[in-house]
C-alpha cells in the first residue's frame, strides 16, 4: 500500500511495507509504512525533518499516525537501550526490581544537560507494573535484540 504524499508530512524516504516487519504485529498491523520527510509543522523558511508511522484503518489513513522529530526517536532509542541494560545488569538485585530510596537509574549527558532515566515511583502500581514490564521486555528480547544488533552494525559503519 502506498503511503499518502498529499498530506502535510512530505515523505522523502519511505518503507511502504512496514506492516510485514512491525514486531509482534507483523502481517496484522495497521502501521502500513514509515517515512522520513519534511515535517508537517514546518513554518515558512524553516525546515525540519521528521519520521512518521503511517496507520491505515482499512478504510482511511488514521489520525493516530504519529510524527516525531528525529532527535526524539534517537532519544527514545537511548531510553530503550538504557532500560534494557538496567534490567539485565541491575534491576534483578532489588526485591522490588528497583531501589525505592534511589529510583534514578542514570543521567545521560545530552546538549550540555542530562536525560534523567529513572523508575516512575509516582505510578501507584509501580511495584506490580515494573514486574510486568520486566517480563514483557524479556519476552521481546529476541525481537528487540535483532533490531539493536542491526542498529549497532549500522552505527559502526557510520563511524560511531
C-alpha atoms as a PDB file:
ATOM      1  CA  UNK A   1       0.000   0.000   0.000  1.00  0.00           C
ATOM      2  CA  UNK A   2       1.376   3.379  -0.993  1.00  0.00           C
ATOM      3  CA  UNK A   3       1.547   5.993   1.759  1.00  0.00           C
ATOM      4  CA  UNK A   4      -0.073   9.365   1.056  1.00  0.00           C
ATOM      5  CA  UNK A   5       2.108  12.085  -0.420  1.00  0.00           C
ATOM      6  CA  UNK A   6      -0.534  14.816  -0.464  1.00  0.00           C
ATOM      7  CA  UNK A   7      -0.731  15.400   3.312  1.00  0.00           C
ATOM      8  CA  UNK A   8       1.248  17.884   5.410  1.00  0.00           C
ATOM      9  CA  UNK A   9       4.122  15.462   6.125  1.00  0.00           C
ATOM     10  CA  UNK A  10       6.068  15.217   2.872  1.00  0.00           C
ATOM     11  CA  UNK A  11       7.767  11.788   2.664  1.00  0.00           C
ATOM     12  CA  UNK A  12      11.238  11.676   1.131  1.00  0.00           C
ATOM     13  CA  UNK A  13      12.494   8.222   2.210  1.00  0.00           C
ATOM     14  CA  UNK A  14       9.873   5.557   2.932  1.00  0.00           C
ATOM     15  CA  UNK A  15       9.324   1.931   3.818  1.00  0.00           C
ATOM     16  CA  UNK A  16       5.857   1.178   2.497  1.00  0.00           C
ATOM     17  CA  UNK A  17       5.723  -2.454   3.598  1.00  0.00           C
ATOM     18  CA  UNK A  18       6.294  -1.820   7.279  1.00  0.00           C
ATOM     19  CA  UNK A  19       3.305  -3.949   8.300  1.00  0.00           C
ATOM     20  CA  UNK A  20       5.367  -7.026   7.321  1.00  0.00           C
ATOM     21  CA  UNK A  21       8.022  -6.322   9.962  1.00  0.00           C
ATOM     22  CA  UNK A  22       6.141  -4.434  12.706  1.00  0.00           C
ATOM     23  CA  UNK A  23       7.413  -6.560  15.594  1.00  0.00           C
ATOM     24  CA  UNK A  24       4.809  -8.792  17.163  1.00  0.00           C
ATOM     25  CA  UNK A  25       2.152  -7.135  14.938  1.00  0.00           C
ATOM     26  CA  UNK A  26       3.856  -8.269  11.712  1.00  0.00           C
ATOM     27  CA  UNK A  27       1.360  -9.113   8.948  1.00  0.00           C
ATOM     28  CA  UNK A  28      -1.505  -7.904  11.157  1.00  0.00           C
ATOM     29  CA  UNK A  29      -0.593  -4.257  11.682  1.00  0.00           C
ATOM     30  CA  UNK A  30      -2.357  -1.006  10.955  1.00  0.00           C
ATOM     31  CA  UNK A  31       1.099   0.608  10.635  1.00  0.00           C
ATOM     32  CA  UNK A  32       1.422   0.328   6.860  1.00  0.00           C
ATOM     33  CA  UNK A  33       4.507   2.462   6.365  1.00  0.00           C
ATOM     34  CA  UNK A  34       7.181   4.582   7.956  1.00  0.00           C
ATOM     35  CA  UNK A  35       8.846   7.554   6.360  1.00  0.00           C
ATOM     36  CA  UNK A  36      11.381  10.296   6.815  1.00  0.00           C
ATOM     37  CA  UNK A  37      10.406  13.585   5.279  1.00  0.00           C
ATOM     38  CA  UNK A  38       9.656  17.249   5.734  1.00  0.00           C
ATOM     39  CA  UNK A  39       7.775  17.807   8.974  1.00  0.00           C
ATOM     40  CA  UNK A  40       4.150  18.878   8.971  1.00  0.00           C
ATOM     41  CA  UNK A  41       4.885  21.643  11.482  1.00  0.00           C
ATOM     42  CA  UNK A  42       7.367  23.422   9.194  1.00  0.00           C
ATOM     43  CA  UNK A  43       6.858  27.176   9.010  1.00  0.00           C
ATOM     44  CA  UNK A  44       7.887  29.352   6.104  1.00  0.00           C
ATOM     45  CA  UNK A  45      11.671  29.466   5.880  1.00  0.00           C
ATOM     46  CA  UNK A  46      12.154  26.751   8.494  1.00  0.00           C
ATOM     47  CA  UNK A  47      12.693  23.113   7.586  1.00  0.00           C
ATOM     48  CA  UNK A  48      12.659  20.190   9.985  1.00  0.00           C
ATOM     49  CA  UNK A  49      12.904  16.505   9.167  1.00  0.00           C
ATOM     50  CA  UNK A  50      10.573  14.132  10.945  1.00  0.00           C
ATOM     51  CA  UNK A  51       9.764  10.448  10.943  1.00  0.00           C
ATOM     52  CA  UNK A  52       6.192   9.266  10.589  1.00  0.00           C
ATOM     53  CA  UNK A  53       4.397   5.999  11.239  1.00  0.00           C
ATOM     54  CA  UNK A  54       1.511   5.760   8.775  1.00  0.00           C
ATOM     55  CA  UNK A  55      -1.541   3.913  10.114  1.00  0.00           C
ATOM     56  CA  UNK A  56      -4.418   2.744   7.950  1.00  0.00           C
ATOM     57  CA  UNK A  57      -7.757   1.612   9.434  1.00  0.00           C
ATOM     58  CA  UNK A  58      -8.751  -0.454   6.426  1.00  0.00           C
ATOM     59  CA  UNK A  59     -10.879   2.401   5.127  1.00  0.00           C
ATOM     60  CA  UNK A  60      -8.800   5.554   5.546  1.00  0.00           C
ATOM     61  CA  UNK A  61      -5.483   6.883   6.793  1.00  0.00           C
ATOM     62  CA  UNK A  62      -5.727   7.206  10.571  1.00  0.00           C
ATOM     63  CA  UNK A  63      -5.416  10.421  12.542  1.00  0.00           C
ATOM     64  CA  UNK A  64      -3.426   8.293  15.007  1.00  0.00           C
ATOM     65  CA  UNK A  65      -0.488   8.227  12.608  1.00  0.00           C
ATOM     66  CA  UNK A  66       2.479   9.582  14.542  1.00  0.00           C
ATOM     67  CA  UNK A  67       5.126  12.077  13.511  1.00  0.00           C
ATOM     68  CA  UNK A  68       8.262  12.663  15.594  1.00  0.00           C
ATOM     69  CA  UNK A  69      11.390  14.790  15.189  1.00  0.00           C
ATOM     70  CA  UNK A  70      14.465  12.625  14.547  1.00  0.00           C
ATOM     71  CA  UNK A  71      16.236  13.600  17.773  1.00  0.00           C
ATOM     72  CA  UNK A  72      13.262  12.346  19.812  1.00  0.00           C
ATOM     73  CA  UNK A  73      13.412   8.988  18.055  1.00  0.00           C
ATOM     74  CA  UNK A  74      17.103   8.692  18.919  1.00  0.00           C
ATOM     75  CA  UNK A  75      16.323   9.795  22.499  1.00  0.00           C
ATOM     76  CA  UNK A  76      13.732   7.006  22.673  1.00  0.00           C
ATOM     77  CA  UNK A  77      16.346   4.536  21.386  1.00  0.00           C
ATOM     78  CA  UNK A  78      18.733   5.734  24.104  1.00  0.00           C
ATOM     79  CA  UNK A  79      15.987   5.266  26.704  1.00  0.00           C
ATOM     80  CA  UNK A  80      15.206   1.767  25.418  1.00  0.00           C
ATOM     81  CA  UNK A  81      18.887   0.754  25.480  1.00  0.00           C
ATOM     82  CA  UNK A  82      19.495   2.127  28.974  1.00  0.00           C
ATOM     83  CA  UNK A  83      16.319   0.433  30.217  1.00  0.00           C
ATOM     84  CA  UNK A  84      17.356  -2.936  28.767  1.00  0.00           C
ATOM     85  CA  UNK A  85      20.789  -2.554  30.345  1.00  0.00           C
ATOM     86  CA  UNK A  86      19.225  -1.728  33.716  1.00  0.00           C
ATOM     87  CA  UNK A  87      17.032  -4.817  33.759  1.00  0.00           C
ATOM     88  CA  UNK A  88      19.871  -7.034  32.548  1.00  0.00           C
ATOM     89  CA  UNK A  89      22.573  -5.722  34.902  1.00  0.00           C
ATOM     90  CA  UNK A  90      20.908  -4.105  37.927  1.00  0.00           C
ATOM     91  CA  UNK A  91      17.151  -4.485  38.385  1.00  0.00           C
ATOM     92  CA  UNK A  92      17.222  -8.110  39.470  1.00  0.00           C
ATOM     93  CA  UNK A  93      19.363  -7.176  42.503  1.00  0.00           C
ATOM     94  CA  UNK A  94      16.467  -5.433  44.229  1.00  0.00           C
ATOM     95  CA  UNK A  95      13.498  -7.118  45.865  1.00  0.00           C
ATOM     96  CA  UNK A  96      11.147  -4.679  44.120  1.00  0.00           C
ATOM     97  CA  UNK A  97      13.341  -4.571  40.983  1.00  0.00           C
ATOM     98  CA  UNK A  98      14.353  -1.017  41.935  1.00  0.00           C
ATOM     99  CA  UNK A  99      15.596   0.911  44.941  1.00  0.00           C
ATOM    100  CA  UNK A 100      12.677   2.990  46.298  1.00  0.00           C
ATOM    101  CA  UNK A 101      15.180   5.280  48.051  1.00  0.00           C
ATOM    102  CA  UNK A 102      17.128   5.875  44.821  1.00  0.00           C
ATOM    103  CA  UNK A 103      14.850   5.419  41.794  1.00  0.00           C
ATOM    104  CA  UNK A 104      17.180   7.298  39.426  1.00  0.00           C
ATOM    105  CA  UNK A 105      18.918   4.778  37.167  1.00  0.00           C
ATOM    106  CA  UNK A 106      21.192   7.099  35.222  1.00  0.00           C
ATOM    107  CA  UNK A 107      21.791  10.631  33.982  1.00  0.00           C
ATOM    108  CA  UNK A 108      22.885  10.641  30.362  1.00  0.00           C
ATOM    109  CA  UNK A 109      24.626  13.772  29.163  1.00  0.00           C
ATOM    110  CA  UNK A 110      22.991  15.451  26.167  1.00  0.00           C
ATOM    111  CA  UNK A 111      23.298  19.026  24.880  1.00  0.00           C
ATOM    112  CA  UNK A 112      25.046  20.404  27.959  1.00  0.00           C
ATOM    113  CA  UNK A 113      22.476  18.900  30.331  1.00  0.00           C
ATOM    114  CA  UNK A 114      21.341  15.347  31.026  1.00  0.00           C
ATOM    115  CA  UNK A 115      18.448  12.983  30.412  1.00  0.00           C
ATOM    116  CA  UNK A 116      17.419  11.537  33.760  1.00  0.00           C
ATOM    117  CA  UNK A 117      16.381   7.912  33.483  1.00  0.00           C
ATOM    118  CA  UNK A 118      14.539   6.533  36.472  1.00  0.00           C
ATOM    119  CA  UNK A 119      11.757   4.344  37.772  1.00  0.00           C
ATOM    120  CA  UNK A 120       8.454   6.243  37.800  1.00  0.00           C
ATOM    121  CA  UNK A 121       7.656   5.968  41.505  1.00  0.00           C
ATOM    122  CA  UNK A 122       4.667   8.301  41.068  1.00  0.00           C
ATOM    123  CA  UNK A 123       2.882   5.350  39.432  1.00  0.00           C
ATOM    124  CA  UNK A 124       0.728   4.000  42.309  1.00  0.00           C
ATOM    125  CA  UNK A 125       1.016   0.468  40.852  1.00  0.00           C
ATOM    126  CA  UNK A 126       4.769   0.622  40.190  1.00  0.00           C
ATOM    127  CA  UNK A 127       5.646  -2.442  42.279  1.00  0.00           C
ATOM    128  CA  UNK A 128       3.334  -4.618  40.150  1.00  0.00           C
ATOM    129  CA  UNK A 129       3.833  -2.757  36.865  1.00  0.00           C
ATOM    130  CA  UNK A 130       7.635  -2.976  36.961  1.00  0.00           C
ATOM    131  CA  UNK A 131       7.428  -6.767  37.204  1.00  0.00           C
ATOM    132  CA  UNK A 132       5.016  -6.902  34.253  1.00  0.00           C
ATOM    133  CA  UNK A 133       7.256  -4.506  32.322  1.00  0.00           C
ATOM    134  CA  UNK A 134      10.333  -6.612  33.017  1.00  0.00           C
ATOM    135  CA  UNK A 135       8.538  -9.758  31.864  1.00  0.00           C
ATOM    136  CA  UNK A 136       7.330  -8.082  28.660  1.00  0.00           C
ATOM    137  CA  UNK A 137      10.852  -6.785  27.993  1.00  0.00           C
ATOM    138  CA  UNK A 138      12.189 -10.299  28.495  1.00  0.00           C
ATOM    139  CA  UNK A 139       9.522 -11.753  26.186  1.00  0.00           C
ATOM    140  CA  UNK A 140      10.566  -9.304  23.453  1.00  0.00           C
ATOM    141  CA  UNK A 141      14.301  -9.823  23.942  1.00  0.00           C
ATOM    142  CA  UNK A 142      14.864 -11.623  20.630  1.00  0.00           C
ATOM    143  CA  UNK A 143      12.716  -9.131  18.702  1.00  0.00           C
ATOM    144  CA  UNK A 144      14.489  -6.112  20.205  1.00  0.00           C
ATOM    145  CA  UNK A 145      17.905  -7.761  20.154  1.00  0.00           C
ATOM    146  CA  UNK A 146      17.751  -8.315  16.401  1.00  0.00           C
ATOM    147  CA  UNK A 147      16.926  -4.644  15.809  1.00  0.00           C
ATOM    148  CA  UNK A 148      19.577  -3.417  18.239  1.00  0.00           C
ATOM    149  CA  UNK A 149      22.195  -5.594  16.516  1.00  0.00           C
ATOM    150  CA  UNK A 150      21.265  -4.086  13.161  1.00  0.00           C
ATOM    151  CA  UNK A 151      21.388  -0.593  14.677  1.00  0.00           C
ATOM    152  CA  UNK A 152      24.802  -1.295  16.243  1.00  0.00           C
ATOM    153  CA  UNK A 153      26.155  -2.547  12.903  1.00  0.00           C
ATOM    154  CA  UNK A 154      24.906   0.499  11.013  1.00  0.00           C
ATOM    155  CA  UNK A 155      26.241   2.884  13.691  1.00  0.00           C
ATOM    156  CA  UNK A 156      29.630   1.165  13.455  1.00  0.00           C
ATOM    157  CA  UNK A 157      29.601   1.500   9.660  1.00  0.00           C
ATOM    158  CA  UNK A 158      28.871   5.208  10.147  1.00  0.00           C
ATOM    159  CA  UNK A 159      31.880   5.539  12.430  1.00  0.00           C
ATOM    160  CA  UNK A 160      30.075   5.788  15.776  1.00  0.00           C
END
